[in-house]
Amino acid sequence: MADGASAARGRRAPYGIYFASRATEQRASRDRRVQPDNPAIGASDRSAAPHPAPAGRPSGPIGGLILAAGAGRRFGSAKQLATLGGRPLLEHALLAMARAATVERAVVVLGADADAVLAGVERHGALPVICTGWREGQAASLRDGVAALAGSVEAIVVILGDQPAIDPRAIDRVTASRDGVSVAVRASYGGRPGHPVLLERSLFEQVGALRGDQGARSLLAGAAVRIVACDGLGSDRDVDTVEQLRLSAGESSSRC
């Protein structure tokens, strides 16, 4: 990143980039409404459209978070910029979030090769958040993304930037499944939990305690999580290697 990045941390730069900092996390962790622990809830929903909201479902705006700060070491280059179906890989996730009807605002967390990604990827309304600590692992990206949204939303739905087959209908199904009891809602595919993952406000402060390469998985262990089947609504398979990108390209062509 540019040398001036550290001076701009914790505020929005004039050109619309949000620089994350520890101070930002601390400010965002104030005024948190902590909900009591509840037993885990399992749910199965295989209809194509989001099912009606439970009577006790919380209200308030929902934010979207796309994590895309990694260096793509297994890929061998900045995979955010790799071409898939005529678009950069990352743009597919950004488009899915932009097309989700229930998401009011979104951010994308960038780190490695951030300047090149900013220049080369259309963000479709998502505000870029620059994670200066991206080398720490996914926890840093998750902390910075949640901190950037926490002051303006009641829940955050998370996807990964290397999941090009994420479907906006899956995002909407997960967000529509909030029930006022579970602290998180998670999509499943063929019975396997995956993304999108929605985090209620009661978890925001705990996100700030994550370190290293911990993501939402460690946060949700033992928590009250509602699992919602998203079979037939895209896929959350990620792209870590060039070979996986080729496979994704072939699958994308066969769907056309």
C-alpha atoms as a PDB file:
ATOM      1  CA  MET A   1       0.000   0.000   0.000  1.00  0.00           C
ATOM      2  CA  ALA A   2       1.053   3.627  -0.368  1.00  0.00           C
ATOM      3  CA  ASP A   3       3.194   5.214   2.366  1.00  0.00           C
ATOM      4  CA  GLY A   4       0.353   7.569   3.275  1.00  0.00           C
ATOM      5  CA  ALA A   5      -1.967   4.715   4.191  1.00  0.00           C
ATOM      6  CA  SER A   6      -0.961   4.606   7.838  1.00  0.00           C
ATOM      7  CA  ALA A   7      -1.748   8.280   8.263  1.00  0.00           C
ATOM      8  CA  ALA A   8      -5.217   7.724   6.894  1.00  0.00           C
ATOM      9  CA  ARG A   9      -6.163   4.745   9.034  1.00  0.00           C
ATOM     10  CA  GLY A  10      -9.362   4.879  11.034  1.00  0.00           C
ATOM     11  CA  ARG A  11     -11.091   7.385   8.735  1.00  0.00           C
ATOM     12  CA  ARG A  12     -12.563   7.521   5.283  1.00  0.00           C
ATOM     13  CA  ALA A  13     -10.106   8.840   2.730  1.00  0.00           C
ATOM     14  CA  PRO A  14     -11.356  11.543   0.310  1.00  0.00           C
ATOM     15  CA  TYR A  15     -11.466   9.030  -2.550  1.00  0.00           C
ATOM     16  CA  GLY A  16     -13.892   6.701  -0.793  1.00  0.00           C
ATOM     17  CA  ILE A  17     -11.561   4.107   0.715  1.00  0.00           C
ATOM     18  CA  TYR A  18     -12.028   3.102   4.329  1.00  0.00           C
ATOM     19  CA  PHE A  19      -8.757   2.462   6.156  1.00  0.00           C
ATOM     20  CA  ALA A  20      -9.305   0.096   9.087  1.00  0.00           C
ATOM     21  CA  SER A  21      -7.454   0.417  12.382  1.00  0.00           C
ATOM     22  CA  ARG A  22      -7.549  -0.890  15.927  1.00  0.00           C
ATOM     23  CA  ALA A  23      -9.095   2.415  17.007  1.00  0.00           C
ATOM     24  CA  THR A  24     -11.907   1.843  14.540  1.00  0.00           C
ATOM     25  CA  GLU A  25     -12.567  -1.588  16.043  1.00  0.00           C
ATOM     26  CA  GLN A  26     -12.666  -0.157  19.541  1.00  0.00           C
ATOM     27  CA  ARG A  27     -15.138   2.553  18.554  1.00  0.00           C
ATOM     28  CA  ALA A  28     -17.321   0.058  16.729  1.00  0.00           C
ATOM     29  CA  SER A  29     -17.417  -2.248  19.746  1.00  0.00           C
ATOM     30  CA  ARG A  30     -19.167   0.375  21.892  1.00  0.00           C
ATOM     31  CA  ASP A  31     -22.934   0.441  22.282  1.00  0.00           C
ATOM     32  CA  ARG A  32     -23.286  -3.291  21.652  1.00  0.00           C
ATOM     33  CA  ARG A  33     -26.537  -4.941  22.664  1.00  0.00           C
ATOM     34  CA  VAL A  34     -25.573  -8.358  23.997  1.00  0.00           C
ATOM     35  CA  GLN A  35     -28.207 -11.070  23.679  1.00  0.00           C
ATOM     36  CA  PRO A  36     -28.419 -14.063  26.037  1.00  0.00           C
ATOM     37  CA  ASP A  37     -27.049 -17.420  24.916  1.00  0.00           C
ATOM     38  CA  ASN A  38     -29.557 -19.739  23.295  1.00  0.00           C
ATOM     39  CA  PRO A  39     -29.469 -23.396  22.271  1.00  0.00           C
ATOM     40  CA  ALA A  40     -28.428 -24.074  18.698  1.00  0.00           C
ATOM     41  CA  ILE A  41     -31.206 -24.311  16.163  1.00  0.00           C
ATOM     42  CA  GLY A  42     -31.212 -26.367  12.997  1.00  0.00           C
ATOM     43  CA  ALA A  43     -33.478 -25.565  10.053  1.00  0.00           C
ATOM     44  CA  SER A  44     -34.038 -27.113   6.652  1.00  0.00           C
ATOM     45  CA  ASP A  45     -35.521 -25.183   3.764  1.00  0.00           C
ATOM     46  CA  ARG A  46     -35.252 -26.502   0.227  1.00  0.00           C
ATOM     47  CA  SER A  47     -37.698 -24.247  -1.620  1.00  0.00           C
ATOM     48  CA  ALA A  48     -36.286 -22.016  -4.345  1.00  0.00           C
ATOM     49  CA  ALA A  49     -37.576 -18.739  -2.868  1.00  0.00           C
ATOM     50  CA  PRO A  50     -36.714 -17.342   0.582  1.00  0.00           C
ATOM     51  CA  HIS A  51     -39.308 -18.562   3.043  1.00  0.00           C
ATOM     52  CA  PRO A  52     -41.394 -16.046   5.029  1.00  0.00           C
ATOM     53  CA  ALA A  53     -39.602 -14.360   7.912  1.00  0.00           C
ATOM     54  CA  PRO A  54     -40.240 -15.890  11.348  1.00  0.00           C
ATOM     55  CA  ALA A  55     -42.543 -13.802  13.520  1.00  0.00           C
ATOM     56  CA  GLY A  56     -39.704 -12.894  15.898  1.00  0.00           C
ATOM     57  CA  ARG A  57     -37.194 -12.005  13.221  1.00  0.00           C
ATOM     58  CA  PRO A  58     -35.135  -8.910  14.073  1.00  0.00           C
ATOM     59  CA  SER A  59     -35.486  -5.805  11.970  1.00  0.00           C
ATOM     60  CA  GLY A  60     -32.934  -3.222  10.936  1.00  0.00           C
ATOM     61  CA  PRO A  61     -30.473  -2.872   8.071  1.00  0.00           C
ATOM     62  CA  ILE A  62     -28.235  -5.730   6.968  1.00  0.00           C
ATOM     63  CA  GLY A  63     -24.701  -5.156   5.717  1.00  0.00           C
ATOM     64  CA  GLY A  64     -22.769  -7.262   3.250  1.00  0.00           C
ATOM     65  CA  LEU A  65     -19.115  -8.182   3.750  1.00  0.00           C
ATOM     66  CA  ILE A  66     -16.858  -9.647   1.062  1.00  0.00           C
ATOM     67  CA  LEU A  67     -13.453 -10.860   2.305  1.00  0.00           C
ATOM     68  CA  ALA A  68     -10.770 -10.543  -0.384  1.00  0.00           C
ATOM     69  CA  ALA A  69      -7.543  -9.482   1.330  1.00  0.00           C
ATOM     70  CA  GLY A  70      -5.416 -12.619   0.884  1.00  0.00           C
ATOM     71  CA  ALA A  71      -2.306 -12.926  -1.264  1.00  0.00           C
ATOM     72  CA  GLY A  72      -3.457 -16.059  -3.103  1.00  0.00           C
ATOM     73  CA  ARG A  73      -0.204 -17.920  -2.477  1.00  0.00           C
ATOM     74  CA  ARG A  74      -1.551 -21.261  -3.704  1.00  0.00           C
ATOM     75  CA  PHE A  75      -2.841 -19.553  -6.829  1.00  0.00           C
ATOM     76  CA  GLY A  76       0.562 -17.995  -7.522  1.00  0.00           C
ATOM     77  CA  SER A  77      -0.657 -14.455  -8.218  1.00  0.00           C
ATOM     78  CA  ALA A  78      -3.418 -12.009  -7.322  1.00  0.00           C
ATOM     79  CA  LYS A  79      -6.371 -14.339  -7.890  1.00  0.00           C
ATOM     80  CA  GLN A  80      -8.797 -11.455  -7.312  1.00  0.00           C
ATOM     81  CA  LEU A  81      -7.803 -10.293 -10.799  1.00  0.00           C
ATOM     82  CA  ALA A  82      -7.829 -13.683 -12.541  1.00  0.00           C
ATOM     83  CA  THR A  83     -10.353 -13.771 -15.370  1.00  0.00           C
ATOM     84  CA  LEU A  84     -13.418 -15.992 -15.100  1.00  0.00           C
ATOM     85  CA  GLY A  85     -16.297 -15.662 -17.535  1.00  0.00           C
ATOM     86  CA  GLY A  86     -14.988 -12.351 -18.837  1.00  0.00           C
ATOM     87  CA  ARG A  87     -14.757 -10.744 -15.372  1.00  0.00           C
ATOM     88  CA  PRO A  88     -12.171 -10.633 -12.610  1.00  0.00           C
ATOM     89  CA  LEU A  89     -12.763 -13.467 -10.143  1.00  0.00           C
ATOM     90  CA  LEU A  90     -13.573 -11.095  -7.284  1.00  0.00           C
ATOM     91  CA  GLU A  91     -16.220  -9.262  -9.305  1.00  0.00           C
ATOM     92  CA  HIS A  92     -18.471 -12.332  -9.288  1.00  0.00           C
ATOM     93  CA  ALA A  93     -18.825 -12.168  -5.491  1.00  0.00           C
ATOM     94  CA  LEU A  94     -19.312  -8.402  -5.597  1.00  0.00           C
ATOM     95  CA  LEU A  95     -22.089  -8.800  -8.152  1.00  0.00           C
ATOM     96  CA  ALA A  96     -23.831 -11.431  -6.060  1.00  0.00           C
ATOM     97  CA  MET A  97     -23.818  -9.148  -3.024  1.00  0.00           C
ATOM     98  CA  ALA A  98     -25.012  -6.166  -5.092  1.00  0.00           C
ATOM     99  CA  ARG A  99     -27.928  -8.206  -6.464  1.00  0.00           C
ATOM    100  CA  ALA A 100     -29.071  -9.460  -3.054  1.00  0.00           C
ATOM    101  CA  ALA A 101     -32.350  -7.671  -2.333  1.00  0.00           C
ATOM    102  CA  THR A 102     -31.957  -7.727   1.461  1.00  0.00           C
ATOM    103  CA  VAL A 103     -28.486  -6.151   1.710  1.00  0.00           C
ATOM    104  CA  GLU A 104     -28.558  -2.381   2.143  1.00  0.00           C
ATOM    105  CA  ARG A 105     -24.832  -1.593   2.083  1.00  0.00           C
ATOM    106  CA  ALA A 106     -21.675  -3.581   1.479  1.00  0.00           C
ATOM    107  CA  VAL A 107     -17.918  -3.415   1.955  1.00  0.00           C
ATOM    108  CA  VAL A 108     -15.120  -5.439   0.406  1.00  0.00           C
ATOM    109  CA  VAL A 109     -11.948  -5.955   2.439  1.00  0.00           C
ATOM    110  CA  LEU A 110      -8.734  -5.728   0.432  1.00  0.00           C
ATOM    111  CA  GLY A 111      -5.122  -6.196   1.487  1.00  0.00           C
ATOM    112  CA  ALA A 112      -2.550  -7.885  -0.748  1.00  0.00           C
ATOM    113  CA  ASP A 113      -2.286  -6.149  -4.150  1.00  0.00           C
ATOM    114  CA  ALA A 114      -4.968  -3.684  -3.022  1.00  0.00           C
ATOM    115  CA  ASP A 115      -3.937  -0.945  -5.461  1.00  0.00           C
ATOM    116  CA  ALA A 116      -4.147  -3.296  -8.431  1.00  0.00           C
ATOM    117  CA  VAL A 117      -7.488  -4.700  -7.283  1.00  0.00           C
ATOM    118  CA  LEU A 118      -8.923  -1.226  -6.769  1.00  0.00           C
ATOM    119  CA  ALA A 119      -7.883  -0.301 -10.293  1.00  0.00           C
ATOM    120  CA  GLY A 120      -8.955  -3.524 -11.958  1.00  0.00           C
ATOM    121  CA  VAL A 121     -12.211  -4.658 -10.353  1.00  0.00           C
ATOM    122  CA  GLU A 122     -15.642  -3.019 -10.575  1.00  0.00           C
ATOM    123  CA  ARG A 123     -17.007  -2.974  -7.004  1.00  0.00           C
ATOM    124  CA  HIS A 124     -20.724  -2.536  -7.822  1.00  0.00           C
ATOM    125  CA  GLY A 125     -21.345  -0.151  -4.923  1.00  0.00           C
ATOM    126  CA  ALA A 126     -19.245  -1.890  -2.267  1.00  0.00           C
ATOM    127  CA  LEU A 127     -16.997   0.395  -0.233  1.00  0.00           C
ATOM    128  CA  PRO A 128     -13.380  -0.815  -0.200  1.00  0.00           C
ATOM    129  CA  VAL A 129     -11.867  -1.360   3.246  1.00  0.00           C
ATOM    130  CA  ILE A 130      -8.078  -1.569   3.282  1.00  0.00           C
ATOM    131  CA  CYS A 131      -6.842  -4.136   5.807  1.00  0.00           C
ATOM    132  CA  THR A 132      -3.262  -3.122   6.529  1.00  0.00           C
ATOM    133  CA  GLY A 133      -2.809  -6.199   8.735  1.00  0.00           C
ATOM    134  CA  TRP A 134      -3.875  -8.702   6.066  1.00  0.00           C
ATOM    135  CA  ARG A 135      -0.744 -10.835   6.550  1.00  0.00           C
ATOM    136  CA  GLU A 136      -2.104 -11.908   9.951  1.00  0.00           C
ATOM    137  CA  GLY A 137      -4.780 -14.020   8.302  1.00  0.00           C
ATOM    138  CA  GLN A 138      -8.539 -14.012   7.783  1.00  0.00           C
ATOM    139  CA  ALA A 139      -9.268 -12.798  11.319  1.00  0.00           C
ATOM    140  CA  ALA A 140      -7.803  -9.384  10.491  1.00  0.00           C
ATOM    141  CA  SER A 141     -10.032  -9.037   7.421  1.00  0.00           C
ATOM    142  CA  LEU A 142     -13.119 -10.109   9.349  1.00  0.00           C
ATOM    143  CA  ARG A 143     -12.365  -7.688  12.193  1.00  0.00           C
ATOM    144  CA  ASP A 144     -11.858  -4.753   9.848  1.00  0.00           C
ATOM    145  CA  GLY A 145     -14.909  -5.509   7.741  1.00  0.00           C
ATOM    146  CA  VAL A 146     -17.206  -5.868  10.736  1.00  0.00           C
ATOM    147  CA  ALA A 147     -15.765  -2.709  12.287  1.00  0.00           C
ATOM    148  CA  ALA A 148     -16.496  -0.763   9.102  1.00  0.00           C
ATOM    149  CA  LEU A 149     -20.159  -1.833   9.087  1.00  0.00           C
ATOM    150  CA  ALA A 150     -20.965  -2.169  12.788  1.00  0.00           C
ATOM    151  CA  GLY A 151     -22.097   1.404  13.308  1.00  0.00           C
ATOM    152  CA  SER A 152     -24.822   1.265  10.671  1.00  0.00           C
ATOM    153  CA  VAL A 153     -26.258  -2.280  10.544  1.00  0.00           C
ATOM    154  CA  GLU A 154     -27.903  -4.838  12.829  1.00  0.00           C
ATOM    155  CA  ALA A 155     -26.489  -7.917  11.094  1.00  0.00           C
ATOM    156  CA  ILE A 156     -23.727  -8.685   8.599  1.00  0.00           C
ATOM    157  CA  VAL A 157     -23.767 -11.386   5.924  1.00  0.00           C
ATOM    158  CA  VAL A 158     -20.308 -12.628   4.953  1.00  0.00           C
ATOM    159  CA  ILE A 159     -19.052 -14.233   1.744  1.00  0.00           C
ATOM    160  CA  LEU A 160     -15.554 -14.816   0.369  1.00  0.00           C
ATOM    161  CA  GLY A 161     -14.151 -13.064  -2.673  1.00  0.00           C
ATOM    162  CA  ASP A 162     -12.939 -16.324  -4.215  1.00  0.00           C
ATOM    163  CA  GLN A 163     -16.403 -17.912  -4.327  1.00  0.00           C
ATOM    164  CA  PRO A 164     -17.559 -17.014  -7.850  1.00  0.00           C
ATOM    165  CA  ALA A 165     -20.689 -19.217  -7.812  1.00  0.00           C
ATOM    166  CA  ILE A 166     -22.284 -17.611  -4.753  1.00  0.00           C
ATOM    167  CA  ASP A 167     -25.871 -16.801  -5.673  1.00  0.00           C
ATOM    168  CA  PRO A 168     -27.737 -13.673  -4.512  1.00  0.00           C
ATOM    169  CA  ARG A 169     -30.744 -15.898  -3.798  1.00  0.00           C
ATOM    170  CA  ALA A 170     -28.655 -17.798  -1.247  1.00  0.00           C
ATOM    171  CA  ILE A 171     -27.676 -14.511   0.374  1.00  0.00           C
ATOM    172  CA  ASP A 172     -31.321 -13.470   0.561  1.00  0.00           C
ATOM    173  CA  ARG A 173     -32.411 -16.846   1.910  1.00  0.00           C
ATOM    174  CA  VAL A 174     -29.847 -16.617   4.723  1.00  0.00           C
ATOM    175  CA  THR A 175     -30.771 -13.047   5.633  1.00  0.00           C
ATOM    176  CA  ALA A 176     -34.491 -13.869   5.522  1.00  0.00           C
ATOM    177  CA  SER A 177     -33.952 -16.701   8.012  1.00  0.00           C
ATOM    178  CA  ARG A 178     -33.086 -14.550  11.031  1.00  0.00           C
ATOM    179  CA  ASP A 179     -35.299 -15.678  13.886  1.00  0.00           C
ATOM    180  CA  GLY A 180     -34.519 -13.467  16.894  1.00  0.00           C
ATOM    181  CA  VAL A 181     -33.016 -16.442  18.748  1.00  0.00           C
ATOM    182  CA  SER A 182     -29.991 -17.627  16.781  1.00  0.00           C
ATOM    183  CA  VAL A 183     -26.865 -15.440  16.856  1.00  0.00           C
ATOM    184  CA  ALA A 184     -25.926 -16.545  13.344  1.00  0.00           C
ATOM    185  CA  VAL A 185     -27.453 -18.055  10.214  1.00  0.00           C
ATOM    186  CA  ARG A 186     -25.417 -20.237   7.890  1.00  0.00           C
ATOM    187  CA  ALA A 187     -26.065 -21.674   4.448  1.00  0.00           C
ATOM    188  CA  SER A 188     -25.575 -25.357   3.755  1.00  0.00           C
ATOM    189  CA  TYR A 189     -25.089 -27.263   0.508  1.00  0.00           C
ATOM    190  CA  GLY A 190     -25.803 -30.977   0.521  1.00  0.00           C
ATOM    191  CA  GLY A 191     -25.779 -30.852   4.311  1.00  0.00           C
ATOM    192  CA  ARG A 192     -22.340 -29.171   4.461  1.00  0.00           C
ATOM    193  CA  PRO A 193     -22.288 -25.790   6.256  1.00  0.00           C
ATOM    194  CA  GLY A 194     -20.749 -22.986   4.215  1.00  0.00           C
ATOM    195  CA  HIS A 195     -21.282 -19.424   3.012  1.00  0.00           C
ATOM    196  CA  PRO A 196     -23.076 -17.062   3.180  1.00  0.00           C
ATOM    197  CA  VAL A 197     -22.828 -16.674   6.963  1.00  0.00           C
ATOM    198  CA  LEU A 198     -24.894 -14.042   8.747  1.00  0.00           C
ATOM    199  CA  LEU A 199     -23.685 -12.629  12.083  1.00  0.00           C
ATOM    200  CA  GLU A 200     -26.071 -10.847  14.411  1.00  0.00           C
ATOM    201  CA  ARG A 201     -24.981  -7.717  16.267  1.00  0.00           C
ATOM    202  CA  SER A 202     -24.480  -9.712  19.468  1.00  0.00           C
ATOM    203  CA  LEU A 203     -21.420 -11.331  17.829  1.00  0.00           C
ATOM    204  CA  PHE A 204     -19.745  -8.155  16.584  1.00  0.00           C
ATOM    205  CA  GLU A 205     -17.711  -7.617  19.730  1.00  0.00           C
ATOM    206  CA  GLN A 206     -16.503 -11.232  19.719  1.00  0.00           C
ATOM    207  CA  VAL A 207     -15.251 -10.779  16.158  1.00  0.00           C
ATOM    208  CA  GLY A 208     -12.867  -8.154  17.510  1.00  0.00           C
ATOM    209  CA  ALA A 209     -11.176 -10.820  19.638  1.00  0.00           C
ATOM    210  CA  LEU A 210     -10.359 -13.141  16.716  1.00  0.00           C
ATOM    211  CA  ARG A 211      -6.704 -13.503  15.781  1.00  0.00           C
ATOM    212  CA  GLY A 212      -4.625 -15.279  13.155  1.00  0.00           C
ATOM    213  CA  ASP A 213      -6.313 -17.289  10.444  1.00  0.00           C
ATOM    214  CA  GLN A 214      -9.505 -17.767  12.453  1.00  0.00           C
ATOM    215  CA  GLY A 215     -12.646 -16.966  10.553  1.00  0.00           C
ATOM    216  CA  ALA A 216     -16.313 -17.237  11.384  1.00  0.00           C
ATOM    217  CA  ARG A 217     -15.968 -20.993  11.934  1.00  0.00           C
ATOM    218  CA  SER A 218     -14.200 -20.607  15.278  1.00  0.00           C
ATOM    219  CA  LEU A 219     -16.587 -17.837  16.259  1.00  0.00           C
ATOM    220  CA  LEU A 220     -19.625 -20.047  15.666  1.00  0.00           C
ATOM    221  CA  ALA A 221     -18.346 -23.133  17.465  1.00  0.00           C
ATOM    222  CA  GLY A 222     -20.855 -23.847  20.237  1.00  0.00           C
ATOM    223  CA  ALA A 223     -23.023 -20.838  19.334  1.00  0.00           C
ATOM    224  CA  ALA A 224     -26.728 -20.819  18.454  1.00  0.00           C
ATOM    225  CA  VAL A 225     -26.507 -21.134  14.676  1.00  0.00           C
ATOM    226  CA  ARG A 226     -29.431 -21.672  12.338  1.00  0.00           C
ATOM    227  CA  ILE A 227     -28.528 -23.804   9.319  1.00  0.00           C
ATOM    228  CA  VAL A 228     -30.512 -23.075   6.147  1.00  0.00           C
ATOM    229  CA  ALA A 229     -30.302 -25.340   3.100  1.00  0.00           C
ATOM    230  CA  CYS A 230     -29.350 -23.497  -0.092  1.00  0.00           C
ATOM    231  CA  ASP A 231     -29.213 -26.492  -2.427  1.00  0.00           C
ATOM    232  CA  GLY A 232     -29.865 -25.408  -5.992  1.00  0.00           C
ATOM    233  CA  LEU A 233     -28.875 -21.822  -5.262  1.00  0.00           C
ATOM    234  CA  GLY A 234     -25.363 -21.660  -6.649  1.00  0.00           C
ATOM    235  CA  SER A 235     -22.349 -22.926  -4.732  1.00  0.00           C
ATOM    236  CA  ASP A 236     -19.832 -21.656  -2.192  1.00  0.00           C
ATOM    237  CA  ARG A 237     -16.906 -23.603  -3.646  1.00  0.00           C
ATOM    238  CA  ASP A 238     -13.832 -21.430  -3.589  1.00  0.00           C
ATOM    239  CA  VAL A 239     -10.979 -21.020  -6.057  1.00  0.00           C
ATOM    240  CA  ASP A 240      -7.556 -21.543  -4.512  1.00  0.00           C
ATOM    241  CA  THR A 241      -5.570 -22.808  -7.511  1.00  0.00           C
ATOM    242  CA  VAL A 242      -5.323 -22.218 -11.247  1.00  0.00           C
ATOM    243  CA  GLU A 243      -6.748 -25.696 -11.826  1.00  0.00           C
ATOM    244  CA  GLN A 244      -9.810 -24.872  -9.716  1.00  0.00           C
ATOM    245  CA  LEU A 245     -10.256 -21.722 -11.783  1.00  0.00           C
ATOM    246  CA  ARG A 246     -10.253 -23.836 -14.959  1.00  0.00           C
ATOM    247  CA  LEU A 247     -12.849 -26.156 -13.459  1.00  0.00           C
ATOM    248  CA  SER A 248     -15.009 -23.183 -12.469  1.00  0.00           C
ATOM    249  CA  ALA A 249     -14.726 -21.794 -16.003  1.00  0.00           C
ATOM    250  CA  GLY A 250     -15.894 -25.100 -17.424  1.00  0.00           C
ATOM    251  CA  GLU A 251     -18.847 -25.293 -15.040  1.00  0.00           C
ATOM    252  CA  SER A 252     -19.779 -21.690 -15.827  1.00  0.00           C
ATOM    253  CA  SER A 253     -19.743 -22.432 -19.582  1.00  0.00           C
ATOM    254  CA  SER A 254     -21.940 -25.505 -19.123  1.00  0.00           C
ATOM    255  CA  ARG A 255     -24.560 -23.422 -17.302  1.00  0.00           C
ATOM    256  CA  CYS A 256     -24.793 -20.919 -20.134  1.00  0.00           C
END
